[in-house]
Protein backbone atom coordinates (compact mmCIF):
# COMPACT_ATOMS: atom_id res chain seq x y z
CA MET A 1 6.42 7.05 -24.99
CA LYS A 2 9.60 6.92 -22.91
CA LEU A 3 11.47 9.80 -21.27
CA VAL A 4 15.24 9.69 -21.78
CA PRO A 5 17.01 12.34 -19.64
CA LEU A 6 20.13 14.11 -20.89
CA GLY A 7 23.34 14.92 -19.01
CA ASP A 8 22.91 14.85 -15.23
CA ARG A 9 19.11 14.85 -15.31
CA VAL A 10 16.96 12.27 -13.50
CA VAL A 11 13.27 11.47 -14.14
CA LEU A 12 11.28 10.88 -10.93
CA LYS A 13 7.79 9.51 -10.28
CA GLN A 14 6.43 11.12 -7.13
CA CYS A 15 5.19 8.85 -4.32
CA GLU A 16 1.55 9.16 -3.30
CA ALA A 17 0.66 11.75 -0.67
CA GLU A 18 -0.34 10.48 2.76
CA GLU A 19 -4.12 10.48 3.14
CA THR A 20 -4.14 10.00 6.89
CA THR A 21 -1.93 11.29 9.68
CA LYS A 22 -0.14 8.97 12.10
CA SER A 23 -2.92 9.64 14.60
CA GLY A 24 -5.58 8.52 12.07
CA ILE A 25 -6.93 11.89 10.92
CA ILE A 26 -8.01 11.76 7.26
CA LEU A 27 -6.67 14.70 5.25
CA ALA A 28 -8.65 16.43 2.51
CA GLY A 29 -6.92 16.63 -0.88
CA SER A 30 -6.12 20.32 -0.44
CA ALA A 31 -4.52 19.70 2.98
CA GLN A 32 -2.16 17.01 1.70
CA GLU A 33 1.38 18.20 1.23
CA LYS A 34 3.21 16.88 -1.82
CA PRO A 35 5.78 14.37 -0.67
CA GLN A 36 9.44 14.96 -1.45
CA GLU A 37 9.94 11.25 -1.88
CA ALA A 38 10.01 9.72 -5.34
CA LYS A 39 11.09 6.70 -7.33
CA VAL A 40 13.80 7.06 -10.01
CA VAL A 41 12.31 6.17 -13.40
CA ALA A 42 15.24 7.08 -15.69
CA VAL A 43 18.79 8.39 -15.29
CA GLY A 44 20.84 10.47 -17.71
CA PRO A 45 24.32 9.36 -18.80
CA GLY A 46 26.25 11.92 -16.75
CA GLY A 47 29.58 12.82 -18.37
CA MET A 48 30.75 16.40 -18.93
CA VAL A 49 28.15 18.87 -17.63
CA ASP A 50 29.01 22.58 -17.51
CA GLY A 51 32.71 21.74 -17.86
CA LYS A 52 32.74 19.28 -14.94
CA GLU A 53 32.78 15.47 -14.97
CA VAL A 54 29.54 14.15 -13.44
CA THR A 55 29.19 10.53 -12.31
CA MET A 56 25.60 9.45 -11.77
CA GLN A 57 25.05 8.15 -8.23
CA VAL A 58 21.41 7.08 -8.55
CA LYS A 59 19.93 4.28 -10.63
CA GLU A 60 16.50 3.28 -11.89
CA GLY A 61 14.32 1.93 -9.10
CA ASP A 62 16.02 3.91 -6.30
CA LYS A 63 13.72 5.66 -3.82
CA VAL A 64 15.01 9.19 -3.22
CA ILE A 65 14.27 12.42 -1.37
CA TYR A 66 14.60 15.54 -3.51
CA SER A 67 14.68 19.27 -2.88
CA LYS A 68 11.18 20.73 -2.33
CA TYR A 69 11.14 23.25 -5.19
CA ALA A 70 13.41 21.37 -7.59
CA GLY A 71 12.83 20.29 -11.16
CA ASN A 72 10.18 20.58 -13.80
CA GLU A 73 6.88 18.74 -13.71
CA VAL A 74 5.86 17.08 -16.98
CA LYS A 75 2.92 14.93 -18.03
CA VAL A 76 3.50 12.07 -20.49
CA ASP A 77 0.77 9.63 -21.51
CA GLY A 78 -1.37 10.78 -18.56
CA GLU A 79 1.41 10.13 -16.01
CA GLU A 80 3.09 12.94 -14.08
CA TYR A 81 6.87 13.02 -13.71
CA ILE A 82 9.47 15.41 -12.30
CA ILE A 83 12.76 15.99 -14.09
CA VAL A 84 15.53 17.15 -11.73
CA LYS A 85 19.29 17.56 -11.84
CA GLN A 86 21.15 14.94 -9.83
CA ASN A 87 22.37 17.60 -7.36
CA ASP A 88 18.70 18.34 -6.48
CA ILE A 89 18.46 14.81 -5.03
CA LEU A 90 19.26 14.99 -1.32
CA ALA A 91 19.33 11.31 -0.34
CA ILE A 92 18.66 7.74 -1.40
CA VAL A 93 16.20 5.95 0.90
CA GLU A 94 17.44 2.49 1.81
CA ASN A 95 15.46 -0.10 3.72
CA GLU A 96 17.25 -1.50 6.75
CA SER A 97 17.24 -5.28 6.81
CA ASN A 98 17.55 -6.83 10.25
């Protein structure tokens, strides 16, 4: 099954939570905070949304940071996804190449 978002919606796959801190302390599952970083799985077409023209600025494969309480969590074929509006995405994470 494939999720196809409508309008300005974006389907995200959440990145794994950190299991250890930078200092090496191993966190129990209940102590791990859900990351706000995710990978874009699918992007809606944009277009007219609520009377305004919306151009999609993210694409499949982008790594993004999204608003903490944004979107709806869904489970499809045993996989968990988050569906958010594009304006709930705060930034695209780009790797610096030196």
